[in-house]
Amino acid sequence: MRKYFILGSGGFAKEVLFLAEEAISPVDGTFGGFIEHDPKTDTINCVGNTHKLWDETEFIAEYADRKDVDIYIGIGNPAILTKLKEVFKDF
């Protein structure tokens, strides 16, 4: 089963989660959490549910070789997206 994650953990990322939950059947994939640079906590609350908040370095170490992972972008800042494009180029 595929697992999907969202880059970012702000308001836009939470909107992306809402859209992904509407579009992806639980049979097709499960949500694995949000990915953040240097998060201050391990979890994040979104619409009454607690989700894993991954540090980007830990996420890459855990999932770099997996082919059943999808990453959605929940960041709207072009400068940050340019940097993340390089960090997550293997996904």
Protein backbone atom coordinates (compact mmCIF):
# COMPACT_ATOMS: atom_id res chain seq x y z
CA MET A 1 0.00 0.00 0.00
CA ARG A 2 1.26 3.47 -0.88
CA LYS A 3 1.95 6.01 1.80
CA TYR A 4 1.73 9.73 1.18
CA PHE A 5 3.28 12.66 3.02
CA ILE A 6 2.98 16.43 2.82
CA LEU A 7 5.91 18.83 2.73
CA GLY A 8 5.19 21.64 5.16
CA SER A 9 2.91 21.87 8.16
CA GLY A 10 1.26 25.28 7.92
CA GLY A 11 -2.19 26.27 6.77
CA PHE A 12 -1.56 25.45 3.12
CA ALA A 13 -0.25 21.99 4.03
CA LYS A 14 -3.40 21.34 6.05
CA GLU A 15 -5.52 22.33 3.04
CA VAL A 16 -3.52 19.90 0.89
CA LEU A 17 -4.24 17.16 3.45
CA PHE A 18 -7.95 17.89 3.21
CA LEU A 19 -7.81 17.63 -0.60
CA ALA A 20 -5.71 14.45 -0.50
CA GLU A 21 -8.11 12.79 1.93
CA GLU A 22 -10.97 13.59 -0.43
CA ALA A 23 -9.11 12.25 -3.48
CA ILE A 24 -7.27 9.20 -2.13
CA SER A 25 -9.17 6.13 -1.07
CA PRO A 26 -7.91 4.39 2.10
CA VAL A 27 -7.49 1.33 -0.10
CA ASP A 28 -5.04 3.23 -2.33
CA GLY A 29 -2.92 4.90 0.32
CA THR A 30 -2.53 6.11 3.87
CA PHE A 31 -1.30 9.41 5.21
CA GLY A 32 2.12 9.15 6.88
CA GLY A 33 2.44 12.69 8.21
CA PHE A 34 3.83 16.13 7.52
CA ILE A 35 7.50 16.80 6.72
CA GLU A 36 9.14 19.90 8.17
CA HIS A 37 12.63 21.37 8.43
CA ASP A 38 13.73 21.25 12.07
CA PRO A 39 10.31 20.75 13.69
CA LYS A 40 9.89 21.68 17.34
CA THR A 41 7.55 18.77 18.09
CA ASP A 42 6.89 15.20 16.87
CA THR A 43 3.19 15.60 16.17
CA ILE A 44 0.78 18.15 14.76
CA ASN A 45 -2.94 18.55 15.30
CA CYS A 46 -5.08 18.99 12.20
CA VAL A 47 -8.87 19.07 12.32
CA GLY A 48 -8.99 17.16 15.58
CA ASN A 49 -6.55 14.46 14.49
CA THR A 50 -2.95 14.09 15.60
CA HIS A 51 -0.45 13.36 12.82
CA LYS A 52 3.26 12.56 12.77
CA LEU A 53 5.53 15.53 12.08
CA TRP A 54 8.71 14.28 10.43
CA ASP A 55 12.05 16.05 10.43
CA GLU A 56 13.09 16.14 6.76
CA THR A 57 16.46 14.49 7.47
CA GLU A 58 14.84 11.63 9.41
CA PHE A 59 12.21 11.23 6.71
CA ILE A 60 14.81 10.93 3.95
CA ALA A 61 16.83 8.41 5.98
CA GLU A 62 13.69 6.31 6.58
CA TYR A 63 12.09 6.44 3.13
CA ALA A 64 14.87 7.18 0.60
CA ASP A 65 14.84 3.68 -0.89
CA ARG A 66 11.08 3.15 -0.87
CA LYS A 67 9.14 3.25 -4.11
CA ASP A 68 5.70 3.24 -2.48
CA VAL A 69 5.93 6.83 -1.17
CA ASP A 70 4.25 9.94 -2.59
CA ILE A 71 5.02 13.47 -1.47
CA TYR A 72 2.56 16.32 -1.86
CA ILE A 73 3.68 19.92 -1.56
CA GLY A 74 2.02 22.07 1.07
CA ILE A 75 4.32 25.08 0.76
CA GLY A 76 3.56 28.14 -1.33
CA ASN A 77 6.83 30.06 -0.97
CA PRO A 78 8.81 29.76 -4.24
CA ALA A 79 12.20 30.32 -2.55
CA ILE A 80 11.60 27.46 -0.13
CA LEU A 81 10.27 25.23 -2.92
CA THR A 82 13.46 25.76 -4.92
CA LYS A 83 15.54 24.55 -1.96
CA LEU A 84 13.27 21.58 -1.28
CA LYS A 85 13.41 20.53 -4.91
CA GLU A 86 17.09 19.73 -4.40
CA VAL A 87 16.62 18.10 -0.97
CA PHE A 88 13.85 15.78 -2.21
CA LYS A 89 15.12 15.21 -5.75
CA ASP A 90 15.17 11.42 -5.30
CA PHE A 91 11.45 11.21 -4.56
